Amino acid sequence: MKDYLYIDSSDDSSQARFKVSETSKIDALIEQKRFSDALREVDNLLKSNSGWENWNYKGIILDNLARYGEAVECFNNALGIEKNSDIELNKANWLYNWAKVTFFPEGDYDKALKLINCALDAIPENIDPSEFHFLKAEILEGQNNLVEAQKSYLIAYKEFDKLNEFEYQTQYLNETSDTLINIVGGDISRSEER
């Protein structure tokens, strides 16, 4: 059930009044990037209609105001009312955005990793998660966790055969009791002089 706002077509009271959806007004404010005004409107709307659509709107608005934690709470409220892949995608995207700003410029790698993992958990199955895995790889690289970063890069690029081989080699190196020697190239010019 939509809430409606009546808008007069002119200052003359004899003119017709048009019935406009409240969400249309919020859409217009969002389009105009008047997010604080849109937030006031959706908060007023939530007082009378706390449906999932309005919680979803509020989450979108809060994200645009860089209030990521509050945005995620709104998406969780919406998902508590209605399981919907659009809301799941919104939640995943906003967790991704939050992870991104937490990673850089904030430099909080641990928090960014938690957020991107939550985003990966939230993303609907029908959506390609490559971009999410790429950000995860960058975060892991920032933590100097190069093995896990490489795995995430391979997943992001859909190189699953290489991923399986890499995991096999990593497992072998972790479990072997063999002594492994790494030989690095030498100076060839000296051997030619002899």
C-alpha atoms as a PDB file:
ATOM      1  CA  MET A   1       0.000   0.000   0.000  1.00  0.00           C
ATOM      2  CA  LYS A   2       1.559   3.277  -1.117  1.00  0.00           C
ATOM      3  CA  ASP A   3       1.259   6.538   0.757  1.00  0.00           C
ATOM      4  CA  TYR A   4       0.268   9.521  -1.315  1.00  0.00           C
ATOM      5  CA  LEU A   5       0.958  13.213  -1.207  1.00  0.00           C
ATOM      6  CA  TYR A   6      -1.470  15.676  -2.757  1.00  0.00           C
ATOM      7  CA  ILE A   7       0.114  18.446  -4.781  1.00  0.00           C
ATOM      8  CA  ASP A   8      -1.811  21.484  -5.938  1.00  0.00           C
ATOM      9  CA  SER A   9      -1.227  22.364  -9.571  1.00  0.00           C
ATOM     10  CA  SER A  10      -1.317  26.104  -8.769  1.00  0.00           C
ATOM     11  CA  ASP A  11      -1.920  28.517  -5.943  1.00  0.00           C
ATOM     12  CA  ASP A  12      -5.552  28.869  -7.047  1.00  0.00           C
ATOM     13  CA  SER A  13      -7.639  26.492  -4.910  1.00  0.00           C
ATOM     14  CA  SER A  14     -10.072  25.927  -7.785  1.00  0.00           C
ATOM     15  CA  GLN A  15      -7.378  24.017  -9.665  1.00  0.00           C
ATOM     16  CA  ALA A  16      -7.135  20.231  -9.581  1.00  0.00           C
ATOM     17  CA  ARG A  17      -5.020  18.398  -7.039  1.00  0.00           C
ATOM     18  CA  PHE A  18      -2.846  15.584  -8.295  1.00  0.00           C
ATOM     19  CA  LYS A  19      -2.261  12.416  -6.321  1.00  0.00           C
ATOM     20  CA  VAL A  20       1.467  11.639  -6.358  1.00  0.00           C
ATOM     21  CA  SER A  21       3.129   8.694  -4.683  1.00  0.00           C
ATOM     22  CA  GLU A  22       5.328   9.673  -1.731  1.00  0.00           C
ATOM     23  CA  THR A  23       8.014   7.414  -3.158  1.00  0.00           C
ATOM     24  CA  SER A  24       7.891   9.415  -6.405  1.00  0.00           C
ATOM     25  CA  LYS A  25       8.776  12.504  -4.371  1.00  0.00           C
ATOM     26  CA  ILE A  26      11.617  10.610  -2.710  1.00  0.00           C
ATOM     27  CA  ASP A  27      12.803   9.375  -6.117  1.00  0.00           C
ATOM     28  CA  ALA A  28      12.871  12.977  -7.349  1.00  0.00           C
ATOM     29  CA  LEU A  29      14.861  14.134  -4.310  1.00  0.00           C
ATOM     30  CA  ILE A  30      17.351  11.289  -4.792  1.00  0.00           C
ATOM     31  CA  GLU A  31      17.684  12.139  -8.481  1.00  0.00           C
ATOM     32  CA  GLN A  32      18.366  15.758  -7.513  1.00  0.00           C
ATOM     33  CA  LYS A  33      20.965  14.503  -5.002  1.00  0.00           C
ATOM     34  CA  ARG A  34      19.019  16.135  -2.168  1.00  0.00           C
ATOM     35  CA  PHE A  35      19.708  13.190   0.130  1.00  0.00           C
ATOM     36  CA  SER A  36      19.075  14.984   3.454  1.00  0.00           C
ATOM     37  CA  ASP A  37      15.636  16.061   2.213  1.00  0.00           C
ATOM     38  CA  ALA A  38      14.957  12.537   0.916  1.00  0.00           C
ATOM     39  CA  LEU A  39      15.957  11.124   4.306  1.00  0.00           C
ATOM     40  CA  ARG A  40      13.468  13.409   6.096  1.00  0.00           C
ATOM     41  CA  GLU A  41      10.732  12.311   3.685  1.00  0.00           C
ATOM     42  CA  VAL A  42      11.421   8.594   4.059  1.00  0.00           C
ATOM     43  CA  ASP A  43      11.610   8.928   7.864  1.00  0.00           C
ATOM     44  CA  ASN A  44       8.158  10.560   7.820  1.00  0.00           C
ATOM     45  CA  LEU A  45       6.895   7.822   5.541  1.00  0.00           C
ATOM     46  CA  LEU A  46       8.276   5.091   7.826  1.00  0.00           C
ATOM     47  CA  LYS A  47       6.163   6.458  10.694  1.00  0.00           C
ATOM     48  CA  SER A  48       3.019   5.336   8.882  1.00  0.00           C
ATOM     49  CA  ASN A  49       4.334   2.568   6.624  1.00  0.00           C
ATOM     50  CA  SER A  50       7.297   0.497   7.750  1.00  0.00           C
ATOM     51  CA  GLY A  51       7.230  -1.762   4.690  1.00  0.00           C
ATOM     52  CA  TRP A  52      10.344  -3.235   3.149  1.00  0.00           C
ATOM     53  CA  GLU A  53      10.264  -0.756   0.232  1.00  0.00           C
ATOM     54  CA  ASN A  54      10.666   2.203   2.580  1.00  0.00           C
ATOM     55  CA  TRP A  55      13.479   0.539   4.549  1.00  0.00           C
ATOM     56  CA  ASN A  56      15.198  -0.191   1.231  1.00  0.00           C
ATOM     57  CA  TYR A  57      14.807   3.469   0.187  1.00  0.00           C
ATOM     58  CA  LYS A  58      16.247   4.635   3.492  1.00  0.00           C
ATOM     59  CA  GLY A  59      19.243   2.324   3.050  1.00  0.00           C
ATOM     60  CA  ILE A  60      19.919   3.747  -0.412  1.00  0.00           C
ATOM     61  CA  ILE A  61      19.677   7.313   0.893  1.00  0.00           C
ATOM     62  CA  LEU A  62      21.942   6.625   3.881  1.00  0.00           C
ATOM     63  CA  ASP A  63      24.549   5.071   1.610  1.00  0.00           C
ATOM     64  CA  ASN A  64      24.582   8.220  -0.479  1.00  0.00           C
ATOM     65  CA  LEU A  65      25.190  10.139   2.744  1.00  0.00           C
ATOM     66  CA  ALA A  66      28.126   7.756   3.514  1.00  0.00           C
ATOM     67  CA  ARG A  67      26.327   6.460   6.616  1.00  0.00           C
ATOM     68  CA  TYR A  68      27.112   2.860   5.733  1.00  0.00           C
ATOM     69  CA  GLY A  69      26.428   1.166   9.064  1.00  0.00           C
ATOM     70  CA  GLU A  70      22.952   2.676   9.251  1.00  0.00           C
ATOM     71  CA  ALA A  71      22.322   1.779   5.596  1.00  0.00           C
ATOM     72  CA  VAL A  72      23.109  -1.885   6.241  1.00  0.00           C
ATOM     73  CA  GLU A  73      20.731  -1.894   9.227  1.00  0.00           C
ATOM     74  CA  CYS A  74      17.977  -0.583   6.933  1.00  0.00           C
ATOM     75  CA  PHE A  75      18.635  -3.319   4.377  1.00  0.00           C
ATOM     76  CA  ASN A  76      18.540  -5.894   7.187  1.00  0.00           C
ATOM     77  CA  ASN A  77      15.166  -4.476   8.300  1.00  0.00           C
ATOM     78  CA  ALA A  78      13.887  -4.713   4.728  1.00  0.00           C
ATOM     79  CA  LEU A  79      15.156  -8.294   4.389  1.00  0.00           C
ATOM     80  CA  GLY A  80      13.484  -9.175   7.700  1.00  0.00           C
ATOM     81  CA  ILE A  81      10.175  -8.234   6.109  1.00  0.00           C
ATOM     82  CA  GLU A  82      10.735  -9.493   2.558  1.00  0.00           C
ATOM     83  CA  LYS A  83      13.424 -11.806   1.162  1.00  0.00           C
ATOM     84  CA  ASN A  84      14.198 -10.111  -2.115  1.00  0.00           C
ATOM     85  CA  SER A  85      17.251 -10.384  -4.379  1.00  0.00           C
ATOM     86  CA  ASP A  86      17.146  -6.632  -5.128  1.00  0.00           C
ATOM     87  CA  ILE A  87      17.488  -5.832  -1.429  1.00  0.00           C
ATOM     88  CA  GLU A  88      20.223  -8.480  -1.071  1.00  0.00           C
ATOM     89  CA  LEU A  89      22.089  -6.870  -3.956  1.00  0.00           C
ATOM     90  CA  ASN A  90      21.656  -3.393  -2.438  1.00  0.00           C
ATOM     91  CA  LYS A  91      23.007  -4.682   0.866  1.00  0.00           C
ATOM     92  CA  ALA A  92      25.959  -6.389  -0.836  1.00  0.00           C
ATOM     93  CA  ASN A  93      26.783  -3.279  -2.880  1.00  0.00           C
ATOM     94  CA  TRP A  94      26.675  -1.011   0.152  1.00  0.00           C
ATOM     95  CA  LEU A  95      28.848  -3.385   2.166  1.00  0.00           C
ATOM     96  CA  TYR A  96      31.236  -3.339  -0.799  1.00  0.00           C
ATOM     97  CA  ASN A  97      31.243   0.486  -0.802  1.00  0.00           C
ATOM     98  CA  TRP A  98      31.826   0.552   2.935  1.00  0.00           C
ATOM     99  CA  ALA A  99      34.678  -1.970   2.631  1.00  0.00           C
ATOM    100  CA  LYS A 100      36.200   0.112  -0.143  1.00  0.00           C
ATOM    101  CA  VAL A 101      36.359   3.346   1.883  1.00  0.00           C
ATOM    102  CA  THR A 102      37.459   1.451   4.965  1.00  0.00           C
ATOM    103  CA  PHE A 103      40.322  -0.078   2.969  1.00  0.00           C
ATOM    104  CA  PHE A 104      41.305   3.188   1.334  1.00  0.00           C
ATOM    105  CA  PRO A 105      41.591   5.955   2.472  1.00  0.00           C
ATOM    106  CA  GLU A 106      40.961   4.800   6.065  1.00  0.00           C
ATOM    107  CA  GLY A 107      43.503   1.938   5.905  1.00  0.00           C
ATOM    108  CA  ASP A 108      41.609  -0.318   8.335  1.00  0.00           C
ATOM    109  CA  TYR A 109      42.383  -3.613   6.566  1.00  0.00           C
ATOM    110  CA  ASP A 110      40.866  -5.907   9.196  1.00  0.00           C
ATOM    111  CA  LYS A 111      37.516  -4.106   9.187  1.00  0.00           C
ATOM    112  CA  ALA A 112      37.566  -3.859   5.378  1.00  0.00           C
ATOM    113  CA  LEU A 113      38.148  -7.622   5.115  1.00  0.00           C
ATOM    114  CA  LYS A 114      35.211  -8.341   7.444  1.00  0.00           C
ATOM    115  CA  LEU A 115      32.981  -6.035   5.429  1.00  0.00           C
ATOM    116  CA  ILE A 116      33.912  -7.522   2.044  1.00  0.00           C
ATOM    117  CA  ASN A 117      33.362 -11.032   3.419  1.00  0.00           C
ATOM    118  CA  CYS A 118      29.889  -9.941   4.606  1.00  0.00           C
ATOM    119  CA  ALA A 119      29.256  -8.460   1.149  1.00  0.00           C
ATOM    120  CA  LEU A 120      30.249 -11.758  -0.471  1.00  0.00           C
ATOM    121  CA  ASP A 121      27.856 -13.584   1.864  1.00  0.00           C
ATOM    122  CA  ALA A 122      25.029 -11.164   0.998  1.00  0.00           C
ATOM    123  CA  ILE A 123      25.388 -11.090  -2.791  1.00  0.00           C
ATOM    124  CA  PRO A 124      22.637 -13.011  -4.615  1.00  0.00           C
ATOM    125  CA  GLU A 125      23.731 -16.164  -6.444  1.00  0.00           C
ATOM    126  CA  ASN A 126      22.729 -14.800  -9.850  1.00  0.00           C
ATOM    127  CA  ILE A 127      25.165 -11.847  -9.588  1.00  0.00           C
ATOM    128  CA  ASP A 128      28.808 -12.077 -10.685  1.00  0.00           C
ATOM    129  CA  PRO A 129      30.951 -11.524  -7.562  1.00  0.00           C
ATOM    130  CA  SER A 130      34.226 -10.916  -9.458  1.00  0.00           C
ATOM    131  CA  GLU A 131      34.517  -7.257  -8.461  1.00  0.00           C
ATOM    132  CA  PHE A 132      33.971  -8.209  -4.812  1.00  0.00           C
ATOM    133  CA  HIS A 133      36.724 -10.849  -4.977  1.00  0.00           C
ATOM    134  CA  PHE A 134      39.064  -8.361  -6.634  1.00  0.00           C
ATOM    135  CA  LEU A 135      38.594  -5.895  -3.745  1.00  0.00           C
ATOM    136  CA  LYS A 136      39.107  -8.751  -1.283  1.00  0.00           C
ATOM    137  CA  ALA A 137      42.380  -9.618  -3.042  1.00  0.00           C
ATOM    138  CA  GLU A 138      43.557  -6.009  -2.763  1.00  0.00           C
ATOM    139  CA  ILE A 139      42.706  -5.913   0.942  1.00  0.00           C
ATOM    140  CA  LEU A 140      44.529  -9.202   1.560  1.00  0.00           C
ATOM    141  CA  GLU A 141      47.510  -7.866  -0.366  1.00  0.00           C
ATOM    142  CA  GLY A 142      47.450  -4.783   1.866  1.00  0.00           C
ATOM    143  CA  GLN A 143      47.605  -7.130   4.868  1.00  0.00           C
ATOM    144  CA  ASN A 144      50.587  -8.865   3.224  1.00  0.00           C
ATOM    145  CA  ASN A 145      48.567 -12.112   3.067  1.00  0.00           C
ATOM    146  CA  LEU A 146      49.839 -12.878  -0.422  1.00  0.00           C
ATOM    147  CA  VAL A 147      48.706 -16.500  -0.686  1.00  0.00           C
ATOM    148  CA  GLU A 148      45.056 -15.685   0.087  1.00  0.00           C
ATOM    149  CA  ALA A 149      45.306 -12.569  -2.100  1.00  0.00           C
ATOM    150  CA  GLN A 150      46.440 -14.719  -5.037  1.00  0.00           C
ATOM    151  CA  LYS A 151      43.505 -17.085  -4.471  1.00  0.00           C
ATOM    152  CA  SER A 152      41.066 -14.169  -4.507  1.00  0.00           C
ATOM    153  CA  TYR A 153      42.622 -12.754  -7.684  1.00  0.00           C
ATOM    154  CA  LEU A 154      42.257 -16.140  -9.376  1.00  0.00           C
ATOM    155  CA  ILE A 155      38.598 -16.326  -8.300  1.00  0.00           C
ATOM    156  CA  ALA A 156      38.011 -12.754  -9.512  1.00  0.00           C
ATOM    157  CA  TYR A 157      39.458 -13.622 -12.924  1.00  0.00           C
ATOM    158  CA  LYS A 158      37.577 -16.958 -12.976  1.00  0.00           C
ATOM    159  CA  GLU A 159      40.823 -18.899 -13.346  1.00  0.00           C
ATOM    160  CA  PHE A 160      39.488 -21.907 -11.452  1.00  0.00           C
ATOM    161  CA  ASP A 161      41.909 -24.440 -12.993  1.00  0.00           C
ATOM    162  CA  LYS A 162      44.837 -22.267 -11.923  1.00  0.00           C
ATOM    163  CA  LEU A 163      43.210 -21.840  -8.512  1.00  0.00           C
ATOM    164  CA  ASN A 164      43.007 -25.616  -8.029  1.00  0.00           C
ATOM    165  CA  GLU A 165      46.667 -26.023  -9.042  1.00  0.00           C
ATOM    166  CA  PHE A 166      47.732 -23.141  -6.779  1.00  0.00           C
ATOM    167  CA  GLU A 167      45.821 -24.611  -3.816  1.00  0.00           C
ATOM    168  CA  TYR A 168      47.374 -28.025  -4.477  1.00  0.00           C
ATOM    169  CA  GLN A 169      50.880 -26.541  -4.569  1.00  0.00           C
ATOM    170  CA  THR A 170      50.233 -24.456  -1.455  1.00  0.00           C
ATOM    171  CA  GLN A 171      48.941 -27.497   0.409  1.00  0.00           C
ATOM    172  CA  TYR A 172      51.963 -29.529  -0.676  1.00  0.00           C
ATOM    173  CA  LEU A 173      54.376 -26.843   0.526  1.00  0.00           C
ATOM    174  CA  ASN A 174      52.580 -26.597   3.870  1.00  0.00           C
ATOM    175  CA  GLU A 175      52.496 -30.360   4.450  1.00  0.00           C
ATOM    176  CA  THR A 176      55.802 -31.588   3.049  1.00  0.00           C
ATOM    177  CA  SER A 177      58.689 -32.543   5.246  1.00  0.00           C
ATOM    178  CA  ASP A 178      61.040 -32.429   2.256  1.00  0.00           C
ATOM    179  CA  THR A 179      63.818 -29.901   2.252  1.00  0.00           C
ATOM    180  CA  LEU A 180      63.153 -27.505  -0.536  1.00  0.00           C
ATOM    181  CA  ILE A 181      65.964 -25.492  -2.078  1.00  0.00           C
ATOM    182  CA  ASN A 182      65.397 -22.336  -4.045  1.00  0.00           C
ATOM    183  CA  ILE A 183      68.139 -21.755  -6.600  1.00  0.00           C
ATOM    184  CA  VAL A 184      68.462 -18.264  -7.939  1.00  0.00           C
ATOM    185  CA  GLY A 185      70.379 -17.486 -11.128  1.00  0.00           C
ATOM    186  CA  GLY A 186      74.073 -16.696 -10.923  1.00  0.00           C
ATOM    187  CA  ASP A 187      76.448 -14.456 -12.812  1.00  0.00           C
ATOM    188  CA  ILE A 188      76.949 -16.066 -16.249  1.00  0.00           C
ATOM    189  CA  SER A 189      79.752 -13.714 -17.288  1.00  0.00           C
ATOM    190  CA  ARG A 190      82.172 -15.255 -14.751  1.00  0.00           C
ATOM    191  CA  SER A 191      81.590 -18.791 -15.973  1.00  0.00           C
ATOM    192  CA  GLU A 192      82.358 -17.728 -19.552  1.00  0.00           C
ATOM    193  CA  GLU A 193      85.728 -16.289 -18.530  1.00  0.00           C
ATOM    194  CA  ARG A 194      86.992 -19.668 -17.356  1.00  0.00           C
END
